[in-house]
Amino acid sequence: MSVRFSGLSTDEVHALQNGARDAYGGAPERRISDGDGVPCRHCLCDFREGEPYLVLAFRPFNSVQPYAETGPIFLHADACKRAAATPHPPAILSSDDYIVRGYDQDERIVYGTGGVVATQDIAARAERLLADQRVAFVHVRSAQNNCFQCRIDN
């Protein structure tokens, strides 16, 4: 089995770039990057210095329910191309470690699947989690701030 790391859907991102409200009903905030490690969750690239971006509350789930975590994310302020799904961790995963957690078909956490994982071990950990029939998909989140980074499927 191989895994696929992917960014947010283009339809979701374009809606937010064009004025859709965030998970809390607020307007995304517009900022200018200082070039210091602010990653877009759509193209999975860091912003260049001087590039405008959006910061907003995001819930990467289809419904509001107890396990639907919400947190801040960053997106390019203008249209960008969605990163191609890849079996390799995207370059935005540049910290030492991340939270890796499995979810079931109903978007609920599968207990016992979450943990802080060294970046170089994320793909292998996700592969093991996705081999469990209870796990439908995996999220990668910041170990320091719990921000959603990307999704992993098989």
Protein backbone atom coordinates (compact mmCIF):
# COMPACT_ATOMS: atom_id res chain seq x y z
CA MET A 1 0.00 0.00 0.00
CA SER A 2 1.21 3.52 -0.69
CA VAL A 3 -0.08 6.71 0.88
CA ARG A 4 -0.99 10.02 -0.75
CA PHE A 5 -0.44 13.38 0.92
CA SER A 6 -2.85 16.03 -0.35
CA GLY A 7 -3.77 19.64 0.21
CA LEU A 8 -7.24 21.14 0.54
CA SER A 9 -9.66 20.93 -2.36
CA THR A 10 -9.52 23.70 -4.94
CA ASP A 11 -13.26 24.38 -4.68
CA GLU A 12 -13.02 24.93 -0.92
CA VAL A 13 -9.97 27.15 -1.24
CA HIS A 14 -11.32 29.24 -4.13
CA ALA A 15 -14.50 29.89 -2.12
CA LEU A 16 -12.43 31.19 0.80
CA GLN A 17 -10.20 33.24 -1.50
CA ASN A 18 -13.36 34.77 -2.98
CA GLY A 19 -14.92 35.86 0.31
CA ALA A 20 -16.53 32.78 1.85
CA ARG A 21 -16.67 32.84 5.64
CA ASP A 22 -14.40 30.67 7.76
CA ALA A 23 -15.45 27.90 10.17
CA TYR A 24 -16.47 30.47 12.78
CA GLY A 25 -18.38 32.66 10.33
CA GLY A 26 -15.67 35.30 10.16
CA ALA A 27 -13.97 36.82 7.17
CA PRO A 28 -10.46 35.44 6.53
CA GLU A 29 -7.79 37.89 7.65
CA ARG A 30 -5.42 39.14 4.98
CA ARG A 31 -1.72 39.37 5.86
CA ILE A 32 1.62 39.81 4.11
CA SER A 33 4.24 37.09 4.52
CA ASP A 34 7.60 37.86 6.04
CA GLY A 35 8.89 34.72 4.28
CA ASP A 36 9.34 32.81 7.52
CA GLY A 37 7.59 29.44 7.25
CA VAL A 38 3.95 30.27 6.61
CA PRO A 39 2.56 27.31 4.58
CA CYS A 40 -0.43 27.29 2.21
CA ARG A 41 -2.66 24.26 2.84
CA HIS A 42 -3.68 24.09 -0.84
CA CYS A 43 -0.44 24.21 -2.85
CA LEU A 44 1.54 22.93 0.18
CA CYS A 45 4.26 25.54 -0.34
CA ASP A 46 5.55 28.26 1.97
CA PHE A 47 4.72 31.85 1.07
CA ARG A 48 7.49 34.01 -0.29
CA GLU A 49 8.35 37.25 1.49
CA GLY A 50 5.88 39.98 0.53
CA GLU A 51 3.24 37.53 -0.71
CA PRO A 52 -0.34 38.13 0.53
CA TYR A 53 -2.03 35.30 2.39
CA LEU A 54 -5.18 34.53 4.33
CA VAL A 55 -5.39 33.26 7.91
CA LEU A 56 -8.70 31.74 8.94
CA ALA A 57 -10.44 29.21 11.16
CA PHE A 58 -10.77 25.92 9.30
CA ARG A 59 -12.55 22.66 10.06
CA PRO A 60 -11.45 19.92 7.61
CA PHE A 61 -14.60 17.87 8.16
CA ASN A 62 -17.97 17.73 6.40
CA SER A 63 -20.08 18.15 9.53
CA VAL A 64 -19.97 19.83 12.89
CA GLN A 65 -19.57 17.10 15.49
CA PRO A 66 -17.50 16.57 18.65
CA TYR A 67 -14.43 15.27 16.79
CA ALA A 68 -14.40 17.97 14.10
CA GLU A 69 -11.36 19.93 15.23
CA THR A 70 -11.14 23.55 14.13
CA GLY A 71 -7.96 25.57 13.99
CA PRO A 72 -6.13 28.28 12.12
CA ILE A 73 -4.71 27.69 8.65
CA PHE A 74 -3.04 29.78 5.96
CA LEU A 75 -3.95 30.03 2.27
CA HIS A 76 -2.61 32.10 -0.59
CA ALA A 77 -4.77 35.23 -0.91
CA ASP A 78 -4.84 34.70 -4.68
CA ALA A 79 -5.45 31.52 -6.66
CA CYS A 80 -2.70 28.91 -6.49
CA LYS A 81 -2.44 25.45 -7.99
CA ARG A 82 -3.34 22.54 -5.71
CA ALA A 83 -0.38 20.34 -4.92
CA ALA A 84 -0.46 17.01 -6.70
CA ALA A 85 -1.08 14.11 -4.35
CA THR A 86 2.23 12.46 -3.57
CA PRO A 87 3.51 9.52 -1.50
CA HIS A 88 6.16 11.83 -0.03
CA PRO A 89 5.59 14.33 2.78
CA PRO A 90 5.27 17.86 1.36
CA ALA A 91 8.04 20.39 1.98
CA ILE A 92 5.79 22.35 4.37
CA LEU A 93 6.32 19.56 6.90
CA SER A 94 9.61 21.05 8.01
CA SER A 95 9.30 20.78 11.79
CA ASP A 96 10.84 17.88 13.71
CA ASP A 97 7.52 16.20 14.46
CA TYR A 98 3.77 16.33 13.90
CA ILE A 99 0.56 14.89 15.29
CA VAL A 100 -0.65 12.06 13.07
CA ARG A 101 -4.17 10.79 13.72
CA GLY A 102 -6.62 8.41 12.02
CA TYR A 103 -10.33 9.04 11.46
CA ASP A 104 -13.15 6.68 10.50
CA GLN A 105 -15.76 6.97 7.71
CA ASP A 106 -17.93 9.11 10.02
CA GLU A 107 -15.02 11.53 10.56
CA ARG A 108 -14.55 10.49 14.18
CA ILE A 109 -11.13 9.95 15.74
CA VAL A 110 -10.18 6.29 15.88
CA TYR A 111 -8.94 6.01 19.44
CA GLY A 112 -5.38 4.80 19.82
CA THR A 113 -4.26 6.10 16.41
CA GLY A 114 -3.02 9.55 17.41
CA GLY A 115 0.50 10.38 18.36
CA VAL A 116 3.40 12.74 17.87
CA VAL A 117 5.53 11.31 15.08
CA ALA A 118 8.98 12.31 13.78
CA THR A 119 8.58 13.92 10.35
CA GLN A 120 10.66 11.27 8.59
CA ASP A 121 8.32 8.58 10.00
CA ILE A 122 4.97 10.14 9.00
CA ALA A 123 4.48 8.19 5.74
CA ALA A 124 5.25 4.84 7.39
CA ARG A 125 2.98 5.64 10.35
CA ALA A 126 0.15 6.68 8.01
CA GLU A 127 0.56 3.48 6.01
CA ARG A 128 0.22 1.41 9.18
CA LEU A 129 -2.85 3.40 10.27
CA LEU A 130 -4.53 3.10 6.87
CA ALA A 131 -4.00 -0.67 6.95
CA ASP A 132 -6.45 -0.70 9.89
CA GLN A 133 -9.94 -1.18 8.41
CA ARG A 134 -11.38 1.26 10.93
CA VAL A 135 -9.25 4.14 9.55
CA ALA A 136 -10.61 5.93 6.46
CA PHE A 137 -8.10 8.81 6.36
CA VAL A 138 -5.32 10.44 8.35
CA HIS A 139 -4.66 14.07 9.27
CA VAL A 140 -1.29 15.63 9.93
CA ARG A 141 -1.38 18.48 12.45
CA SER A 142 1.21 20.71 14.02
CA ALA A 143 2.58 19.16 17.22
CA GLN A 144 3.08 22.65 18.66
CA ASN A 145 -0.17 24.40 17.66
CA ASN A 146 -2.51 21.61 16.46
CA CYS A 147 -3.02 23.37 13.09
CA PHE A 148 -4.21 21.15 10.24
CA GLN A 149 -1.37 20.60 7.74
CA CYS A 150 -2.57 18.04 5.19
CA ARG A 151 -4.55 14.86 4.68
CA ILE A 152 -3.25 11.38 3.92
CA ASP A 153 -5.21 8.70 2.09
CA ASN A 154 -4.23 5.45 0.42
